[in-house]
Amino acid sequence: SDELRETTVWYLTNSECEESAGYVKTEGGFLYGTYDGSIKSSMLCAHDRIGTTSDACQGDSGGALVRLGSDSSTDVLVGLVSWGFGCADPNFPGVYTRLSAYYQDFLQPNICKYSQSPPPYLGCSPSSGNTGPIVIPPSVSTPEGLLTVFVVTDPFNPEDLGWELTSVPDGKVIASRPVGYYAGKYRATIQEEVTVTPENFYRFIIYDRDKDGFRGELTVVRGRRYVKSDALVYEPGFSSVSGASA
């Protein structure tokens, strides 16, 4: 949507969420899935109680999950949209990043360190605040020709996935991950770095061994920074129509 939208969902415990199981509709048909073993303490789940009308979906990642207070001043940001099976599927709640899991070790110390005006409720010590201009630490130099491959594996059959980067026109393999490499890594986010010769031409092939479609995501960017709009390759998944490779 071109407009900011919102909906209402309800929290459920991680143990309840882990019991979620059932058949999910995909482009290749219905596949059985389960959240068992996938819900970590750094995650939280929420659904609309009915499970058919309201949910986060593709394109919403990073969006806010807010616990509403009596007014906007008492609202609390508790999560960020992360992942899930399907959208508004009655069998599967949405899964969110639990921000409280990152508060003590990451959010609070970094806000106190870099913010010029940290909110009082963070309890920042006077010495931890940034009293002058914000100083951004120097970034690690990025080698010329560095590419980063961001892989989100298939939630059902990650062992089907493989990929290969070859030069054009000689077909020399620059880097690859064979089919089976991601076995057991369900809906995992993995980052791989590859160095190529700048200004040359290359072909990137994604393999789907069983030809049943790829329900993950694969992005190739220049350097290390993930910016989807600047991606050299962006594959949000494909159906069985694509065959064994894309």
Protein backbone atom coordinates (compact mmCIF):
# COMPACT_ATOMS: atom_id res chain seq x y z
CA SER A 1 0.00 0.00 0.00
CA ASP A 2 1.12 3.59 -0.59
CA GLU A 3 -0.49 4.55 2.74
CA LEU A 4 0.64 3.64 6.24
CA ARG A 5 -1.74 1.03 7.59
CA GLU A 6 -2.35 -0.61 10.95
CA THR A 7 -4.24 -3.53 12.41
CA THR A 8 -4.86 -5.09 15.82
CA VAL A 9 -3.33 -8.40 16.89
CA TRP A 10 -3.06 -10.20 20.23
CA TYR A 11 0.01 -11.60 21.96
CA LEU A 12 0.38 -15.30 22.65
CA THR A 13 3.13 -17.06 24.59
CA ASN A 14 6.12 -18.62 22.89
CA SER A 15 5.10 -22.09 24.06
CA GLU A 16 1.66 -21.62 22.48
CA CYS A 17 3.26 -20.28 19.32
CA GLU A 18 5.58 -23.29 19.03
CA GLU A 19 2.53 -25.55 18.88
CA SER A 20 1.47 -23.92 15.61
CA ALA A 21 1.31 -26.47 12.79
CA GLY A 22 -0.71 -27.19 9.69
CA TYR A 23 -0.81 -26.93 5.94
CA VAL A 24 0.29 -23.71 4.25
CA LYS A 25 -0.89 -22.67 0.80
CA THR A 26 2.03 -22.01 -1.56
CA GLU A 27 2.37 -21.49 -5.28
CA GLY A 28 3.34 -25.16 -5.52
CA GLY A 29 0.34 -26.36 -3.54
CA PHE A 30 -0.24 -27.07 0.15
CA LEU A 31 2.77 -27.99 2.29
CA TYR A 32 2.84 -29.03 5.94
CA GLY A 33 4.77 -26.76 8.29
CA THR A 34 5.36 -26.27 12.00
CA TYR A 35 6.87 -23.65 14.30
CA ASP A 36 8.15 -26.35 16.67
CA GLY A 37 11.76 -25.55 17.60
CA SER A 38 11.77 -22.27 15.64
CA ILE A 39 10.49 -19.77 18.22
CA LYS A 40 13.44 -18.38 20.18
CA SER A 41 13.37 -16.30 23.36
CA SER A 42 14.31 -13.27 21.24
CA MET A 43 11.02 -13.62 19.32
CA LEU A 44 7.37 -13.09 20.17
CA CYS A 45 4.17 -14.06 18.40
CA ALA A 46 0.85 -12.31 17.79
CA HIS A 47 -2.29 -13.03 15.80
CA ASP A 48 -5.80 -11.69 15.29
CA ARG A 49 -7.47 -14.51 17.28
CA ILE A 50 -9.52 -15.42 14.23
CA GLY A 51 -6.45 -15.98 12.07
CA THR A 52 -8.00 -15.04 8.75
CA THR A 53 -8.22 -11.27 8.54
CA SER A 54 -5.30 -9.35 10.06
CA ASP A 55 -1.57 -9.92 10.00
CA ALA A 56 1.73 -8.51 8.82
CA CYS A 57 2.79 -9.76 5.38
CA GLN A 58 5.51 -9.46 2.74
CA GLY A 59 6.86 -5.93 2.62
CA ASP A 60 6.08 -5.23 6.29
CA SER A 61 9.39 -6.47 7.72
CA GLY A 62 10.79 -4.02 10.27
CA GLY A 63 7.37 -2.55 10.96
CA ALA A 64 6.41 -1.71 14.54
CA LEU A 65 4.45 -3.91 16.94
CA VAL A 66 3.14 -1.52 19.59
CA ARG A 67 1.44 -2.30 22.89
CA LEU A 68 -1.18 0.40 23.19
CA GLY A 69 -1.45 2.45 26.35
CA SER A 70 -4.17 4.81 27.49
CA ASP A 71 -2.79 7.42 25.06
CA SER A 72 0.16 7.76 22.66
CA SER A 73 2.49 8.86 25.48
CA THR A 74 2.13 5.46 27.14
CA ASP A 75 2.36 3.31 24.00
CA VAL A 76 5.32 0.88 24.09
CA LEU A 77 7.26 -0.45 21.10
CA VAL A 78 7.61 -4.16 21.89
CA GLY A 79 8.48 -5.83 18.57
CA LEU A 80 9.40 -5.58 14.91
CA VAL A 81 7.78 -7.55 12.08
CA SER A 82 10.08 -10.48 11.29
CA TRP A 83 8.64 -13.62 9.65
CA GLY A 84 5.83 -16.17 9.51
CA PHE A 85 4.22 -18.85 7.36
CA GLY A 86 1.76 -17.26 4.97
CA CYS A 87 -0.23 -14.14 5.80
CA ALA A 88 -3.22 -14.20 8.17
CA ASP A 89 -3.06 -17.99 8.07
CA PRO A 90 -5.33 -19.48 10.76
CA ASN A 91 -2.65 -22.02 11.71
CA PHE A 92 0.31 -19.66 12.03
CA PRO A 93 0.69 -16.41 14.02
CA GLY A 94 3.05 -13.67 12.91
CA VAL A 95 6.54 -13.81 14.44
CA TYR A 96 8.22 -10.61 15.65
CA THR A 97 11.61 -9.59 17.03
CA ARG A 98 11.23 -9.19 20.81
CA LEU A 99 12.93 -5.85 21.49
CA SER A 100 13.25 -6.46 25.23
CA ALA A 101 15.73 -9.22 24.39
CA TYR A 102 18.08 -6.59 22.92
CA TYR A 103 17.45 -3.78 25.40
CA GLN A 104 20.13 -4.35 28.03
CA ASP A 105 23.04 -5.43 25.83
CA PHE A 106 22.43 -3.35 22.72
CA LEU A 107 19.64 -0.76 22.66
CA GLN A 108 20.13 0.99 25.99
CA PRO A 109 23.95 1.26 25.94
CA ASN A 110 24.11 2.41 22.32
CA ILE A 111 21.35 4.98 22.67
CA CYS A 112 23.06 6.31 25.79
CA LYS A 113 26.41 6.40 24.00
CA TYR A 114 25.37 8.08 20.74
CA SER A 115 22.24 10.09 21.51
CA GLN A 116 22.60 13.79 22.30
CA SER A 117 19.28 13.72 24.18
CA PRO A 118 18.58 10.22 25.53
CA PRO A 119 15.13 9.92 27.16
CA PRO A 120 15.20 9.94 30.97
CA TYR A 121 13.62 6.48 31.27
CA LEU A 122 16.80 4.90 29.87
CA GLY A 123 18.67 5.90 33.01
CA CYS A 124 21.80 6.99 31.14
CA SER A 125 24.63 8.22 33.36
CA PRO A 126 25.83 11.79 32.65
CA SER A 127 29.20 10.50 31.45
CA SER A 128 27.60 8.12 28.94
CA GLY A 129 25.67 10.80 27.07
CA ASN A 130 27.00 12.42 23.91
CA THR A 131 27.56 16.09 24.80
CA GLY A 132 29.00 17.16 21.47
CA PRO A 133 28.45 16.29 17.82
CA ILE A 134 27.68 12.64 17.20
CA VAL A 135 30.83 10.86 16.13
CA ILE A 136 30.29 7.99 13.74
CA PRO A 137 33.02 5.35 14.06
CA PRO A 138 35.05 4.88 10.90
CA SER A 139 33.63 2.11 8.77
CA VAL A 140 35.60 -0.95 7.84
CA SER A 141 37.02 -0.50 4.36
CA THR A 142 35.20 -2.43 1.67
CA PRO A 143 37.40 -4.17 -0.91
CA GLU A 144 36.75 -3.18 -4.49
CA GLY A 145 34.63 -5.83 -6.19
CA LEU A 146 33.14 -7.16 -2.94
CA LEU A 147 29.64 -8.59 -3.28
CA THR A 148 27.48 -9.85 -0.44
CA VAL A 149 24.91 -12.61 -0.96
CA PHE A 150 22.04 -12.47 1.54
CA VAL A 151 20.11 -15.76 1.66
CA VAL A 152 16.83 -16.41 3.46
CA THR A 153 16.36 -20.16 3.16
CA ASP A 154 13.16 -22.02 2.33
CA PRO A 155 11.07 -22.71 5.48
CA PHE A 156 10.17 -26.20 4.26
CA ASN A 157 12.93 -27.62 2.02
CA PRO A 158 16.17 -25.65 2.49
CA GLU A 159 18.19 -28.64 1.30
CA ASP A 160 16.85 -28.05 -2.24
CA LEU A 161 18.70 -24.74 -2.55
CA GLY A 162 22.02 -24.14 -4.23
CA TRP A 163 23.55 -21.22 -6.13
CA GLU A 164 26.41 -20.44 -8.45
CA LEU A 165 28.12 -17.25 -9.61
CA THR A 166 29.94 -17.59 -12.94
CA SER A 167 31.76 -15.19 -15.21
CA VAL A 168 30.45 -14.36 -18.67
CA PRO A 169 31.19 -15.49 -21.33
CA ASP A 170 33.68 -18.16 -20.20
CA GLY A 171 31.43 -19.70 -17.52
CA LYS A 172 34.17 -19.85 -14.89
CA VAL A 173 32.73 -20.54 -11.42
CA ILE A 174 33.62 -17.66 -9.10
CA ALA A 175 31.70 -18.89 -6.05
CA SER A 176 28.98 -21.41 -5.28
CA ARG A 177 27.03 -23.27 -2.64
CA PRO A 178 26.04 -26.78 -3.73
CA VAL A 179 22.53 -28.16 -3.38
CA GLY A 180 22.30 -29.59 0.13
CA TYR A 181 24.58 -26.97 1.70
CA TYR A 182 21.69 -25.32 3.57
CA ALA A 183 20.12 -28.60 4.78
CA GLY A 184 18.46 -28.22 8.18
CA LYS A 185 18.62 -24.41 8.09
CA TYR A 186 14.92 -23.62 7.98
CA ARG A 187 14.03 -19.99 7.29
CA ALA A 188 17.58 -18.98 8.25
CA THR A 189 19.18 -15.70 7.19
CA ILE A 190 22.73 -16.24 5.97
CA GLN A 191 25.28 -13.77 4.65
CA GLU A 192 28.06 -14.77 2.23
CA GLU A 193 30.84 -12.56 0.81
CA VAL A 194 32.30 -12.93 -2.69
CA THR A 195 34.99 -10.83 -4.41
CA VAL A 196 34.84 -10.35 -8.19
CA THR A 197 36.70 -8.28 -10.76
CA PRO A 198 34.80 -4.98 -11.16
CA GLU A 199 33.21 -4.00 -14.49
CA ASN A 200 33.08 -7.60 -15.79
CA PHE A 201 29.89 -9.55 -16.53
CA TYR A 202 28.57 -12.36 -14.35
CA ARG A 203 25.66 -14.79 -14.21
CA PHE A 204 23.96 -15.76 -10.94
CA ILE A 205 22.03 -19.06 -10.96
CA ILE A 206 19.72 -20.29 -8.19
CA TYR A 207 19.12 -24.04 -8.15
CA ASP A 208 15.96 -25.80 -6.92
CA ARG A 209 16.75 -29.51 -6.94
CA ASP A 210 13.20 -30.82 -6.55
CA LYS A 211 11.67 -28.24 -8.92
CA ASP A 212 8.97 -27.48 -6.36
CA GLY A 213 9.60 -23.75 -6.06
CA PHE A 214 11.81 -21.62 -3.82
CA ARG A 215 9.99 -20.00 -0.90
CA GLY A 216 12.93 -18.07 0.49
CA GLU A 217 14.66 -14.91 -0.65
CA LEU A 218 18.05 -14.20 -2.21
CA THR A 219 19.67 -10.80 -2.66
CA VAL A 220 23.10 -9.79 -4.01
CA VAL A 221 24.41 -6.31 -3.20
CA ARG A 222 27.61 -4.43 -3.90
CA GLY A 223 29.66 -4.08 -0.71
CA ARG A 224 28.32 -5.14 2.67
CA ARG A 225 25.30 -2.88 3.12
CA TYR A 226 21.89 -4.43 2.51
CA VAL A 227 19.82 -1.92 0.51
CA LYS A 228 17.18 -3.76 -1.48
CA SER A 229 16.57 -0.85 -3.85
CA ASP A 230 20.24 -1.00 -4.92
CA ALA A 231 20.41 -4.79 -5.24
CA LEU A 232 22.23 -6.29 -8.21
CA VAL A 233 20.10 -9.44 -7.83
CA TYR A 234 16.84 -9.74 -5.93
CA GLU A 235 14.88 -12.98 -6.01
CA PRO A 236 11.86 -13.02 -3.64
CA GLY A 237 11.14 -16.66 -4.45
CA PHE A 238 9.70 -18.48 -7.42
CA SER A 239 7.21 -21.22 -8.21
CA SER A 240 7.70 -24.70 -9.66
CA VAL A 241 7.14 -23.19 -13.12
CA SER A 242 10.78 -22.06 -13.08
CA GLY A 243 11.98 -25.69 -13.02
CA ALA A 244 15.33 -26.65 -11.53
CA SER A 245 16.99 -23.22 -11.75
CA ALA A 246 16.38 -19.52 -12.16
